[in-house]
Amino acid sequence: MNLHLSLTPLVSLIAGILILIAPRLLNFIVAIYLIFIGVMGLVGHGKFI
Protein backbone atom coordinates (compact mmCIF):
# COMPACT_ATOMS: atom_id res chain seq x y z
CA MET A 1 0.00 0.00 0.00
CA ASN A 2 1.48 3.32 -1.11
CA LEU A 3 0.74 6.62 0.58
CA HIS A 4 1.06 9.64 -1.70
CA LEU A 5 1.09 13.10 -0.12
CA SER A 6 1.08 16.34 -2.04
CA LEU A 7 2.94 19.31 -0.68
CA THR A 8 0.11 21.86 -0.82
CA PRO A 9 -2.43 19.96 1.34
CA LEU A 10 0.28 19.16 3.88
CA VAL A 11 1.34 22.82 4.13
CA SER A 12 -2.31 23.87 4.39
CA LEU A 13 -2.94 21.39 7.19
CA ILE A 14 0.07 22.56 9.18
CA ALA A 15 -0.89 26.22 8.62
CA GLY A 16 -4.45 25.55 9.76
CA ILE A 17 -3.29 23.89 12.95
CA LEU A 18 -0.90 26.75 13.72
CA ILE A 19 -3.66 29.30 13.12
CA LEU A 20 -5.95 27.42 15.53
CA ILE A 21 -3.21 27.40 18.17
CA ALA A 22 -2.17 31.04 17.71
CA PRO A 23 -4.56 33.16 15.60
CA ARG A 24 -2.08 36.06 15.57
CA LEU A 25 0.12 33.98 13.23
CA LEU A 26 -2.45 34.22 10.42
CA ASN A 27 -0.78 37.09 8.52
CA PHE A 28 2.66 35.55 8.89
CA ILE A 29 1.53 32.09 7.74
CA VAL A 30 -0.40 33.43 4.75
CA ALA A 31 2.56 35.58 3.69
CA ILE A 32 4.99 32.65 3.86
CA TYR A 33 2.56 30.40 1.99
CA LEU A 34 2.06 32.92 -0.82
CA ILE A 35 5.80 33.56 -1.13
CA PHE A 36 6.47 29.81 -1.26
CA ILE A 37 3.83 29.20 -3.96
CA GLY A 38 5.12 32.20 -5.96
CA VAL A 39 8.73 31.02 -5.82
CA MET A 40 7.73 27.49 -6.81
CA GLY A 41 5.79 28.89 -9.76
CA LEU A 42 8.71 31.04 -10.91
CA VAL A 43 11.27 28.27 -10.55
CA GLY A 44 9.06 25.97 -12.61
CA HIS A 45 8.00 23.45 -10.01
CA GLY A 46 4.33 24.03 -10.76
CA LYS A 47 3.60 20.37 -10.03
CA PHE A 48 3.55 21.20 -6.30
CA ILE A 49 0.60 23.57 -6.69
PDB file of N, CA and C in Angstrom:
ATOM      1  N   MET A   1       0.850  -1.181   0.000  1.00  0.00           N
ATOM      2  CA  MET A   1       0.000   0.000   0.000  1.00  0.00           C
ATOM      3  C   MET A   1       0.889   1.235   0.000  1.00  0.00           C
ATOM      4  N   ASN A   2       0.697   2.092  -0.987  1.00  0.00           N
ATOM      5  CA  ASN A   2       1.483   3.315  -1.105  1.00  0.00           C
ATOM      6  C   ASN A   2       0.684   4.507  -0.609  1.00  0.00           C
ATOM      7  N   LEU A   3       1.356   5.391   0.098  1.00  0.00           N
ATOM      8  CA  LEU A   3       0.739   6.621   0.577  1.00  0.00           C
ATOM      9  C   LEU A   3       1.373   7.777  -0.163  1.00  0.00           C
ATOM     10  N   HIS A   4       0.555   8.527  -0.900  1.00  0.00           N
ATOM     11  CA  HIS A   4       1.061   9.642  -1.695  1.00  0.00           C
ATOM     12  C   HIS A   4       0.548  10.950  -1.113  1.00  0.00           C
ATOM     13  N   LEU A   5       1.463  11.806  -0.677  1.00  0.00           N
ATOM     14  CA  LEU A   5       1.089  13.104  -0.120  1.00  0.00           C
ATOM     15  C   LEU A   5       1.563  14.215  -1.041  1.00  0.00           C
ATOM     16  N   SER A   6       0.685  15.151  -1.305  1.00  0.00           N
ATOM     17  CA  SER A   6       1.084  16.344  -2.041  1.00  0.00           C
ATOM     18  C   SER A   6       1.580  17.375  -1.049  1.00  0.00           C
ATOM     19  N   LEU A   7       2.360  18.300  -1.545  1.00  0.00           N
ATOM     20  CA  LEU A   7       2.944  19.315  -0.677  1.00  0.00           C
ATOM     21  C   LEU A   7       1.915  20.346  -0.239  1.00  0.00           C
ATOM     22  N   THR A   8       1.065  20.797  -1.135  1.00  0.00           N
ATOM     23  CA  THR A   8       0.107  21.858  -0.823  1.00  0.00           C
ATOM     24  C   THR A   8      -0.878  21.476   0.290  1.00  0.00           C
ATOM     25  N   PRO A   9      -1.520  20.316   0.234  1.00  0.00           N
ATOM     26  CA  PRO A   9      -2.428  19.962   1.338  1.00  0.00           C
ATOM     27  C   PRO A   9      -1.707  19.812   2.674  1.00  0.00           C
ATOM     28  N   LEU A  10      -0.490  19.313   2.645  1.00  0.00           N
ATOM     29  CA  LEU A  10       0.282  19.161   3.877  1.00  0.00           C
ATOM     30  C   LEU A  10       0.605  20.521   4.486  1.00  0.00           C
ATOM     31  N   VAL A  11       1.044  21.469   3.656  1.00  0.00           N
ATOM     32  CA  VAL A  11       1.337  22.817   4.134  1.00  0.00           C
ATOM     33  C   VAL A  11       0.066  23.482   4.649  1.00  0.00           C
ATOM     34  N   SER A  12      -1.040  23.279   3.960  1.00  0.00           N
ATOM     35  CA  SER A  12      -2.313  23.866   4.389  1.00  0.00           C
ATOM     36  C   SER A  12      -2.755  23.304   5.737  1.00  0.00           C
ATOM     37  N   LEU A  13      -2.573  22.012   5.925  1.00  0.00           N
ATOM     38  CA  LEU A  13      -2.940  21.385   7.192  1.00  0.00           C
ATOM     39  C   LEU A  13      -2.105  21.937   8.344  1.00  0.00           C
ATOM     40  N   ILE A  14      -0.811  22.029   8.146  1.00  0.00           N
ATOM     41  CA  ILE A  14       0.074  22.565   9.183  1.00  0.00           C
ATOM     42  C   ILE A  14      -0.278  24.018   9.476  1.00  0.00           C
ATOM     43  N   ALA A  15      -0.527  24.815   8.427  1.00  0.00           N
ATOM     44  CA  ALA A  15      -0.889  26.218   8.625  1.00  0.00           C
ATOM     45  C   ALA A  15      -2.199  26.341   9.387  1.00  0.00           C
ATOM     46  N   GLY A  16      -3.172  25.505   9.068  1.00  0.00           N
ATOM     47  CA  GLY A  16      -4.450  25.548   9.761  1.00  0.00           C
ATOM     48  C   GLY A  16      -4.321  25.217  11.235  1.00  0.00           C
ATOM     49  N   ILE A  17      -3.503  24.242  11.552  1.00  0.00           N
ATOM     50  CA  ILE A  17      -3.288  23.888  12.953  1.00  0.00           C
ATOM     51  C   ILE A  17      -2.599  25.029  13.697  1.00  0.00           C
ATOM     52  N   LEU A  18      -1.593  25.629  13.070  1.00  0.00           N
ATOM     53  CA  LEU A  18      -0.896  26.750  13.715  1.00  0.00           C
ATOM     54  C   LEU A  18      -1.821  27.940  13.934  1.00  0.00           C
ATOM     55  N   ILE A  19      -2.717  28.190  12.974  1.00  0.00           N
ATOM     56  CA  ILE A  19      -3.661  29.303  13.117  1.00  0.00           C
ATOM     57  C   ILE A  19      -4.639  29.021  14.255  1.00  0.00           C
ATOM     58  N   LEU A  20      -5.062  27.763  14.415  1.00  0.00           N
ATOM     59  CA  LEU A  20      -5.949  27.420  15.531  1.00  0.00           C
ATOM     60  C   LEU A  20      -5.248  27.614  16.872  1.00  0.00           C
ATOM     61  N   ILE A  21      -3.971  27.276  16.924  1.00  0.00           N
ATOM     62  CA  ILE A  21      -3.212  27.403  18.169  1.00  0.00           C
ATOM     63  C   ILE A  21      -2.932  28.863  18.501  1.00  0.00           C
ATOM     64  N   ALA A  22      -2.520  29.627  17.492  1.00  0.00           N
ATOM     65  CA  ALA A  22      -2.169  31.035  17.711  1.00  0.00           C
ATOM     66  C   ALA A  22      -2.709  31.882  16.561  1.00  0.00           C
ATOM     67  N   PRO A  23      -3.931  32.411  16.696  1.00  0.00           N
ATOM     68  CA  PRO A  23      -4.559  33.159  15.602  1.00  0.00           C
ATOM     69  C   PRO A  23      -3.755  34.386  15.138  1.00  0.00           C
ATOM     70  N   ARG A  24      -2.885  34.904  15.970  1.00  0.00           N
ATOM     71  CA  ARG A  24      -2.080  36.061  15.569  1.00  0.00           C
ATOM     72  C   ARG A  24      -1.077  35.708  14.473  1.00  0.00           C
ATOM     73  N   LEU A  25      -0.828  34.420  14.263  1.00  0.00           N
ATOM     74  CA  LEU A  25       0.120  33.980  13.234  1.00  0.00           C
ATOM     75  C   LEU A  25      -0.480  34.008  11.827  1.00  0.00           C
ATOM     76  N   LEU A  26      -1.771  34.317  11.714  1.00  0.00           N
ATOM     77  CA  LEU A  26      -2.450  34.224  10.423  1.00  0.00           C
ATOM     78  C   LEU A  26      -1.738  35.009   9.323  1.00  0.00           C
ATOM     79  N   ASN A  27      -1.447  36.282   9.556  1.00  0.00           N
ATOM     80  CA  ASN A  27      -0.784  37.093   8.520  1.00  0.00           C
ATOM     81  C   ASN A  27       0.575  36.522   8.144  1.00  0.00           C
ATOM     82  N   PHE A  28       1.330  36.103   9.123  1.00  0.00           N
ATOM     83  CA  PHE A  28       2.660  35.549   8.891  1.00  0.00           C
ATOM     84  C   PHE A  28       2.585  34.265   8.072  1.00  0.00           C
ATOM     85  N   ILE A  29       1.665  33.381   8.436  1.00  0.00           N
ATOM     86  CA  ILE A  29       1.532  32.094   7.739  1.00  0.00           C
ATOM     87  C   ILE A  29       1.057  32.298   6.303  1.00  0.00           C
ATOM     88  N   VAL A  30       0.096  33.174   6.107  1.00  0.00           N
ATOM     89  CA  VAL A  30      -0.400  33.434   4.749  1.00  0.00           C
ATOM     90  C   VAL A  30       0.704  34.037   3.886  1.00  0.00           C
ATOM     91  N   ALA A  31       1.475  34.956   4.446  1.00  0.00           N
ATOM     92  CA  ALA A  31       2.562  35.578   3.686  1.00  0.00           C
ATOM     93  C   ALA A  31       3.603  34.539   3.277  1.00  0.00           C
ATOM     94  N   ILE A  32       4.003  33.687   4.186  1.00  0.00           N
ATOM     95  CA  ILE A  32       4.995  32.652   3.859  1.00  0.00           C
ATOM     96  C   ILE A  32       4.446  31.691   2.809  1.00  0.00           C
ATOM     97  N   TYR A  33       3.180  31.312   2.953  1.00  0.00           N
ATOM     98  CA  TYR A  33       2.561  30.400   1.990  1.00  0.00           C
ATOM     99  C   TYR A  33       2.536  31.011   0.584  1.00  0.00           C
ATOM    100  N   LEU A  34       2.133  32.263   0.492  1.00  0.00           N
ATOM    101  CA  LEU A  34       2.065  32.920  -0.817  1.00  0.00           C
ATOM    102  C   LEU A  34       3.449  33.090  -1.431  1.00  0.00           C
ATOM    103  N   ILE A  35       4.434  33.432  -0.624  1.00  0.00           N
ATOM    104  CA  ILE A  35       5.804  33.556  -1.130  1.00  0.00           C
ATOM    105  C   ILE A  35       6.299  32.207  -1.628  1.00  0.00           C
ATOM    106  N   PHE A  36       6.037  31.150  -0.864  1.00  0.00           N
ATOM    107  CA  PHE A  36       6.470  29.812  -1.264  1.00  0.00           C
ATOM    108  C   PHE A  36       5.836  29.388  -2.586  1.00  0.00           C
ATOM    109  N   ILE A  37       4.532  29.576  -2.725  1.00  0.00           N
ATOM    110  CA  ILE A  37       3.835  29.204  -3.956  1.00  0.00           C
ATOM    111  C   ILE A  37       4.346  30.045  -5.137  1.00  0.00           C
ATOM    112  N   GLY A  38       4.594  31.333  -4.903  1.00  0.00           N
ATOM    113  CA  GLY A  38       5.120  32.198  -5.956  1.00  0.00           C
ATOM    114  C   GLY A  38       6.502  31.773  -6.413  1.00  0.00           C
ATOM    115  N   VAL A  39       7.376  31.458  -5.477  1.00  0.00           N
ATOM    116  CA  VAL A  39       8.731  31.020  -5.820  1.00  0.00           C
ATOM    117  C   VAL A  39       8.684  29.695  -6.572  1.00  0.00           C
ATOM    118  N   MET A  40       7.850  28.770  -6.117  1.00  0.00           N
ATOM    119  CA  MET A  40       7.733  27.488  -6.811  1.00  0.00           C
ATOM    120  C   MET A  40       7.211  27.682  -8.241  1.00  0.00           C
ATOM    121  N   GLY A  41       6.300  28.621  -8.420  1.00  0.00           N
ATOM    122  CA  GLY A  41       5.787  28.895  -9.759  1.00  0.00           C
ATOM    123  C   GLY A  41       6.838  29.507 -10.669  1.00  0.00           C
ATOM    124  N   LEU A  42       7.666  30.401 -10.121  1.00  0.00           N
ATOM    125  CA  LEU A  42       8.714  31.043 -10.914  1.00  0.00           C
ATOM    126  C   LEU A  42       9.846  30.080 -11.256  1.00  0.00           C
ATOM    127  N   VAL A  43      10.175  29.210 -10.336  1.00  0.00           N
ATOM    128  CA  VAL A  43      11.267  28.273 -10.555  1.00  0.00           C
ATOM    129  C   VAL A  43      10.846  27.168 -11.526  1.00  0.00           C
ATOM    130  N   GLY A  44       9.552  26.955 -11.652  1.00  0.00           N
ATOM    131  CA  GLY A  44       9.063  25.971 -12.612  1.00  0.00           C
ATOM    132  C   GLY A  44       8.632  24.665 -11.978  1.00  0.00           C
ATOM    133  N   HIS A  45       8.457  24.661 -10.685  1.00  0.00           N
ATOM    134  CA  HIS A  45       7.999  23.455 -10.014  1.00  0.00           C
ATOM    135  C   HIS A  45       6.492  23.556  -9.794  1.00  0.00           C
ATOM    136  N   GLY A  46       5.767  23.854 -10.851  1.00  0.00           N
ATOM    137  CA  GLY A  46       4.325  24.029 -10.763  1.00  0.00           C
ATOM    138  C   GLY A  46       3.579  22.777 -10.359  1.00  0.00           C
ATOM    139  N   LYS A  47       4.254  21.622 -10.399  1.00  0.00           N
ATOM    140  CA  LYS A  47       3.598  20.374 -10.032  1.00  0.00           C
ATOM    141  C   LYS A  47       3.259  20.317  -8.559  1.00  0.00           C
ATOM    142  N   PHE A  48       3.845  21.186  -7.729  1.00  0.00           N
ATOM    143  CA  PHE A  48       3.551  21.205  -6.304  1.00  0.00           C
ATOM    144  C   PHE A  48       2.268  21.967  -5.999  1.00  0.00           C
ATOM    145  N   ILE A  49       1.780  22.731  -6.934  1.00  0.00           N
ATOM    146  CA  ILE A  49       0.601  23.570  -6.686  1.00  0.00           C
ATOM    147  C   ILE A  49      -0.647  22.780  -6.992  1.00  0.00           C
TER     148      ILE A  49
END
